[in-house]
Amino acid sequence: MPRWSGKHAKVYIGTYLGGDLENWTLECHARLADVTAIDDSYTQRIGLDQDWRLRAEKFVTSPDFLALAANMPGQPFVVQCFDPAGLPIFTAPMFIENARYTNPDGAIREDISLLLAGNPTIVPIVPPP
């Protein structure tokens, strides 16, 4: 499962910039189907499709974040991830899966998880092994 993560990057959810990110993770999951026949000696699988999930965590909250959380469920957002050099590494429509606002001991945090809603327009390039 390919996975990209980091700290010093930008993640846009619609027009909202998730600045000052403490952590973010972009994961790609493959959905597989077991097609093993009764006389096969080993499990046989075929790949069906891919799914993407983005998780972002940050300190401090904003009214824009609370407005995003209020959109669940709603229309998908165009989500863009940029590396520290400002180059786009991922762009796709995504639904908000989970949004969390916490305030433990005065340390405000906001966390959000998004799931793919359609075909990505930019996906990370995986270098060959």
Protein backbone atom coordinates (compact mmCIF):
# COMPACT_ATOMS: atom_id res chain seq x y z
CA MET A 1 0.00 0.00 0.00
CA PRO A 2 1.62 3.27 -1.07
CA ARG A 3 1.65 5.95 1.61
CA TRP A 4 2.87 9.53 1.68
CA SER A 5 3.11 11.55 4.85
CA GLY A 6 4.74 14.65 6.16
CA LYS A 7 4.51 17.79 8.16
CA HIS A 8 5.68 20.72 6.08
CA ALA A 9 3.20 20.66 3.24
CA LYS A 10 -0.06 22.31 2.24
CA VAL A 11 -3.43 20.62 2.00
CA TYR A 12 -6.34 22.49 0.46
CA ILE A 13 -9.89 21.25 1.04
CA GLY A 14 -11.93 23.35 -1.36
CA THR A 15 -10.69 26.87 -0.62
CA TYR A 16 -9.71 26.02 2.97
CA LEU A 17 -5.95 25.80 3.55
CA GLY A 18 -5.03 23.38 6.31
CA GLY A 19 -2.01 25.41 7.30
CA ASP A 20 0.35 24.65 10.18
CA LEU A 21 -0.21 20.94 9.71
CA GLU A 22 1.11 18.84 12.53
CA ASN A 23 0.84 15.72 10.42
CA TRP A 24 -0.83 14.50 7.26
CA THR A 25 -1.06 11.12 5.57
CA LEU A 26 -2.22 10.15 2.10
CA GLU A 27 -2.88 6.43 1.62
CA CYS A 28 -3.83 4.37 -1.41
CA HIS A 29 -5.67 1.09 -0.86
CA ALA A 30 -6.31 -1.52 -3.53
CA ARG A 31 -9.55 -3.46 -3.52
CA LEU A 32 -8.92 -7.07 -4.46
CA ALA A 33 -11.22 -9.99 -5.31
CA ASP A 34 -10.42 -13.59 -4.47
CA VAL A 35 -10.88 -15.68 -7.64
CA THR A 36 -9.28 -18.89 -6.34
CA ALA A 37 -10.67 -22.01 -7.99
CA ILE A 38 -11.23 -25.19 -6.03
CA ASP A 39 -8.27 -26.90 -7.73
CA ASP A 40 -5.81 -23.98 -7.29
CA SER A 41 -2.85 -24.65 -4.99
CA TYR A 42 -2.42 -20.95 -4.17
CA THR A 43 -4.77 -18.06 -3.64
CA GLN A 44 -5.54 -16.18 -6.84
CA ARG A 45 -6.63 -12.52 -6.74
CA ILE A 46 -7.44 -9.79 -9.23
CA GLY A 47 -7.25 -6.05 -8.65
CA LEU A 48 -10.56 -4.21 -8.91
CA ASP A 49 -9.89 -0.57 -8.09
CA GLN A 50 -8.04 1.85 -5.83
CA ASP A 51 -9.27 3.96 -2.96
CA TRP A 52 -7.56 7.01 -1.42
CA ARG A 53 -7.79 8.39 2.10
CA LEU A 54 -6.31 11.64 3.41
CA ARG A 55 -5.87 12.37 7.10
CA ALA A 56 -4.68 15.75 8.35
CA GLU A 57 -4.03 16.93 11.91
CA LYS A 58 -3.18 20.43 13.06
CA PHE A 59 -3.04 22.74 16.01
CA VAL A 60 -5.38 25.72 16.23
CA THR A 61 -8.77 25.82 14.62
CA SER A 62 -10.60 28.23 12.36
CA PRO A 63 -14.20 29.07 11.46
CA ASP A 64 -13.49 27.56 8.02
CA PHE A 65 -12.74 24.19 9.59
CA LEU A 66 -15.97 24.26 11.55
CA ALA A 67 -17.84 25.11 8.33
CA LEU A 68 -16.21 22.11 6.63
CA ALA A 69 -17.28 19.82 9.46
CA ALA A 70 -20.84 21.13 9.18
CA ASN A 71 -20.88 19.99 5.51
CA MET A 72 -20.87 16.28 6.50
CA PRO A 73 -22.39 14.66 4.53
CA GLY A 74 -22.55 17.02 1.61
CA GLN A 75 -20.96 17.67 -1.71
CA PRO A 76 -17.41 16.45 -2.24
CA PHE A 77 -14.56 18.94 -2.02
CA VAL A 78 -11.65 19.23 -4.43
CA VAL A 79 -8.68 18.30 -2.25
CA GLN A 80 -5.12 19.26 -3.22
CA CYS A 81 -1.88 18.22 -1.52
CA PHE A 82 1.38 20.07 -2.20
CA ASP A 83 4.88 19.09 -1.14
CA PRO A 84 7.12 21.53 0.76
CA ALA A 85 8.47 22.86 -2.57
CA GLY A 86 4.93 23.78 -3.63
CA LEU A 87 4.55 21.03 -6.24
CA PRO A 88 1.16 19.31 -6.43
CA ILE A 89 1.29 15.63 -5.51
CA PHE A 90 -2.43 14.79 -5.28
CA THR A 91 -5.71 16.30 -6.47
CA ALA A 92 -9.10 14.59 -6.28
CA PRO A 93 -12.72 15.09 -5.25
CA MET A 94 -13.19 13.76 -1.72
CA PHE A 95 -15.91 13.43 0.88
CA ILE A 96 -15.34 14.27 4.52
CA GLU A 97 -15.37 10.97 6.41
CA ASN A 98 -14.64 12.31 9.87
CA ALA A 99 -13.90 15.73 11.38
CA ARG A 100 -12.82 16.18 14.98
CA TYR A 101 -12.21 19.29 17.06
CA THR A 102 -10.61 18.81 20.47
CA ASN A 103 -9.38 21.10 23.21
CA PRO A 104 -7.31 19.03 25.65
CA ASP A 105 -5.85 21.31 28.32
CA GLY A 106 -6.24 24.34 26.06
CA ALA A 107 -4.28 22.84 23.16
CA ILE A 108 -6.84 23.16 20.39
CA ARG A 109 -6.56 20.56 17.61
CA GLU A 110 -8.53 19.80 14.51
CA ASP A 111 -8.32 16.50 12.67
CA ILE A 112 -10.02 15.54 9.44
CA SER A 113 -10.26 12.38 7.36
CA LEU A 114 -11.42 12.38 3.73
CA LEU A 115 -12.28 9.58 1.29
CA LEU A 116 -12.17 9.52 -2.49
CA ALA A 117 -15.37 10.61 -4.26
CA GLY A 118 -14.29 10.23 -7.90
CA ASN A 119 -11.32 9.94 -10.22
CA PRO A 120 -8.17 11.76 -9.04
CA THR A 121 -6.69 14.24 -11.49
CA ILE A 122 -3.18 14.07 -9.99
CA VAL A 123 -1.76 11.04 -8.15
CA PRO A 124 1.70 10.70 -6.62
CA ILE A 125 4.34 9.15 -8.84
CA VAL A 126 5.80 6.05 -7.28
CA PRO A 127 9.47 5.63 -8.24
CA PRO A 128 10.38 2.20 -9.58
CA PRO A 129 12.09 -0.18 -7.10
